[in-house]
Each structure stands twice: as structure tokens, then as C-alpha cells.
Amino acid sequence: MKINFYLIKIAVLSLFFATSLLADKSDIFGEGKKLFEKKEFDKSKIYFERDIVFNPMSEKSYLYLAKIFFQNKNDSDLEINLNNVLDLNPKNDEAIYMLTLLKIKQTNYDEAKELMATFNLICKSFCSKKDEMKKKFSELVPENEKN
């Protein structure tokens, strides 16, 4: 009886490790990125979601899901995925940039202002977007703070 229990335990563990190895070898994220670049958003979304199942800390997959939801104008899922990216990496300037634009769109002045301050401190690859973001933000600024 104990031998059967150990054999079953070994079989389950073997299947678990085999699945993990297959996930690493198949480069799920890479396939999703290729489809995203071809603008096949629905297909790429499946790959990014699958990558997150195998690697819940996949900052890049959350970011690409956010980009898909941005394209589909799905603001609630966009915000969820951007917040996931920022939970994993609070210094991801692209996610901060996208979330700032979303907050401006939602006319959430306080959060947009806070995100812009954070963006200005940490921007690396998206610093060229500062002017665009400031222009959109200036349209949101209340009259009593414009002076």
C-alpha cells in the first residue's frame, strides 16, 4: 500500500516538472509578442495569459496584456494589468506613462499628478513622452492651480 502511494506521488511530481520544463522550452511569451507585433491581439492575449499561468511574476506579459486592452479600449482591464506591472516593478516607466494617460482620460487629477511626479523621477526609455503627457495633463489642471 505504501509503495503505491509513493509511486503515485512520484508520478504526480514528474508530471508537474515535465509541464514546467515544456513551458520554459516553448517560449510562450515570445510567441505572444510575435502575434502582438502582427496586430493579432486576440491570439496574442491567449499566449500572454498562458505565460502568466506558468510565470505569475511575468511583468512583460502583464504589460503586453495592458497594451492589448489599450487597443481594445477596455479601461478597467487596462488599469488592472498596469497595476499588476507596477506591483511587480514600481519603476516601469512605460506602465506609469500608460496609467497616467488613463488617469488623465478618467479626469482623475490627483492620481495623474502623482503619477507624473513619479514618472519624472524614474523615466528611462519613455522620457521623450514627457511633453505629450504634460500637454494632456495641462488640459486637466483646475483653474485654481494654473497660476
Protein backbone atom coordinates (compact mmCIF):
# COMPACT_ATOMS: atom_id res chain seq x y z
CA MET A 1 0.00 0.00 0.00
CA LYS A 2 2.80 2.44 0.87
CA ILE A 3 4.62 1.58 -2.34
CA ASN A 4 1.55 2.52 -4.43
CA PHE A 5 1.27 5.82 -2.57
CA TYR A 6 4.93 6.67 -3.25
CA LEU A 7 4.62 5.68 -6.91
CA ILE A 8 1.58 7.92 -7.34
CA LYS A 9 3.41 10.74 -5.58
CA ILE A 10 6.44 10.33 -7.85
CA ALA A 11 4.22 10.23 -10.95
CA VAL A 12 2.43 13.45 -9.98
CA LEU A 13 5.70 15.24 -9.25
CA SER A 14 7.16 14.01 -12.54
CA LEU A 15 4.18 15.39 -14.46
CA PHE A 16 4.49 18.70 -12.65
CA PHE A 17 8.18 19.07 -13.50
CA ALA A 18 7.67 17.91 -17.09
CA THR A 19 4.97 20.56 -17.57
CA SER A 20 7.26 23.24 -16.16
CA LEU A 21 10.09 22.23 -18.46
CA LEU A 22 7.82 22.24 -21.50
CA ALA A 23 6.57 25.70 -20.61
CA ASP A 24 10.13 27.02 -20.42
CA LYS A 25 11.15 25.44 -23.71
CA SER A 26 8.18 26.61 -25.73
CA ASP A 27 8.78 30.37 -25.15
CA ILE A 28 5.14 31.27 -24.67
CA PHE A 29 5.89 34.97 -24.18
CA GLY A 30 7.90 35.12 -27.41
CA GLU A 31 5.04 33.63 -29.41
CA GLY A 32 2.63 36.12 -27.88
CA LYS A 33 4.95 39.02 -28.70
CA LYS A 34 5.24 37.89 -32.34
CA LEU A 35 1.46 37.77 -32.67
CA PHE A 36 1.15 41.15 -30.94
CA GLU A 37 3.56 42.72 -33.42
CA LYS A 38 1.41 41.30 -36.24
CA LYS A 39 -1.56 43.03 -34.54
CA GLU A 40 -3.25 39.70 -33.83
CA PHE A 41 -4.32 40.87 -30.39
CA ASP A 42 -6.86 38.18 -29.53
CA LYS A 43 -4.41 35.38 -30.30
CA SER A 44 -1.50 37.07 -28.53
CA LYS A 45 -3.67 37.67 -25.46
CA ILE A 46 -4.03 33.90 -25.03
CA TYR A 47 -0.24 33.45 -25.07
CA PHE A 48 0.36 36.22 -22.53
CA GLU A 49 -2.31 34.81 -20.23
CA ARG A 50 -0.77 31.35 -20.57
CA ASP A 51 2.67 32.78 -19.75
CA ILE A 52 1.23 34.31 -16.58
CA VAL A 53 -0.18 30.92 -15.57
CA PHE A 54 3.29 29.39 -15.78
CA ASN A 55 5.09 32.50 -14.53
CA PRO A 56 2.85 34.72 -12.37
CA MET A 57 5.70 37.23 -11.98
CA SER A 58 5.88 37.94 -15.73
CA GLU A 59 5.94 41.72 -15.77
CA LYS A 60 6.25 41.77 -19.56
CA SER A 61 3.15 39.63 -20.11
CA TYR A 62 1.07 41.92 -17.89
CA LEU A 63 2.40 44.92 -19.80
CA TYR A 64 1.53 43.41 -23.17
CA LEU A 65 -1.94 42.48 -21.90
CA ALA A 66 -2.32 46.12 -20.88
CA LYS A 67 -1.32 47.19 -24.38
CA ILE A 68 -3.95 44.85 -25.83
CA PHE A 69 -6.62 46.29 -23.54
CA PHE A 70 -5.47 49.79 -24.52
CA GLN A 71 -6.02 48.88 -28.19
CA ASN A 72 -9.43 47.41 -27.36
CA LYS A 73 -10.35 50.48 -25.25
CA ASN A 74 -11.04 48.27 -22.22
CA ASP A 75 -10.05 50.71 -19.47
CA SER A 76 -10.88 48.52 -16.47
CA ASP A 77 -8.72 45.59 -17.62
CA LEU A 78 -6.06 48.04 -18.77
CA GLU A 79 -5.84 49.52 -15.29
CA ILE A 80 -5.76 46.09 -13.61
CA ASN A 81 -2.85 44.93 -15.76
CA LEU A 82 -0.92 48.17 -15.38
CA ASN A 83 -1.30 47.93 -11.61
CA ASN A 84 -0.01 44.34 -11.78
CA VAL A 85 3.05 45.56 -13.70
CA LEU A 86 3.67 48.27 -11.11
CA ASP A 87 3.23 45.79 -8.26
CA LEU A 88 5.99 43.70 -9.81
CA ASN A 89 8.18 46.65 -10.81
CA PRO A 90 7.25 50.08 -9.43
CA LYS A 91 9.87 51.70 -11.70
CA ASN A 92 8.41 50.52 -15.02
CA ASP A 93 8.20 53.86 -16.79
CA GLU A 94 6.08 52.58 -19.68
CA ALA A 95 3.40 51.31 -17.27
CA ILE A 96 3.49 54.58 -15.32
CA TYR A 97 3.16 56.52 -18.58
CA MET A 98 0.17 54.44 -19.72
CA LEU A 99 -1.50 54.63 -16.30
CA THR A 100 -1.00 58.41 -16.22
CA LEU A 101 -2.71 58.75 -19.60
CA LEU A 102 -5.55 56.58 -18.34
CA LYS A 103 -5.96 58.73 -15.22
CA ILE A 104 -5.97 61.86 -17.39
CA LYS A 105 -8.63 60.27 -19.58
CA GLN A 106 -10.65 59.47 -16.45
CA THR A 107 -10.13 63.12 -15.34
CA ASN A 108 -8.55 61.93 -12.11
CA TYR A 109 -6.37 64.98 -11.47
CA ASP A 110 -4.78 63.96 -8.16
CA GLU A 111 -3.68 60.50 -9.27
CA ALA A 112 -2.45 61.80 -12.63
CA LYS A 113 -0.39 64.49 -10.88
CA GLU A 114 1.14 61.93 -8.51
CA LEU A 115 1.95 59.53 -11.36
CA MET A 116 3.55 62.33 -13.39
CA ALA A 117 5.81 63.20 -10.46
CA THR A 118 6.84 59.55 -10.18
CA PHE A 119 7.38 59.34 -13.94
CA ASN A 120 9.63 62.41 -13.90
CA LEU A 121 11.80 60.79 -11.23
CA ILE A 122 12.29 57.41 -12.88
CA CYS A 123 11.82 57.78 -16.64
CA LYS A 124 14.38 55.99 -18.74
CA SER A 125 13.09 54.81 -22.09
CA PHE A 126 9.93 56.91 -22.19
CA CYS A 127 11.35 60.35 -21.29
CA SER A 128 10.54 61.52 -24.80
CA LYS A 129 6.84 61.19 -23.90
CA LYS A 130 7.03 63.81 -21.10
CA ASP A 131 5.91 66.69 -23.30
CA GLU A 132 2.93 64.78 -24.68
CA MET A 133 1.88 63.80 -21.16
CA LYS A 134 2.32 67.38 -19.83
CA LYS A 135 0.19 68.75 -22.66
CA LYS A 136 -2.66 66.34 -21.93
CA PHE A 137 -2.31 66.97 -18.19
CA SER A 138 -2.44 70.75 -18.65
CA GLU A 139 -5.92 70.35 -20.15
CA LEU A 140 -6.97 68.64 -16.91
CA VAL A 141 -5.47 71.11 -14.43
CA PRO A 142 -8.14 73.00 -12.44
CA GLU A 143 -8.24 76.78 -12.88
CA ASN A 144 -7.14 77.48 -9.29
CA GLU A 145 -3.87 75.58 -9.84
CA LYS A 146 -2.90 77.02 -13.23
CA ASN A 147 -1.28 80.11 -11.71
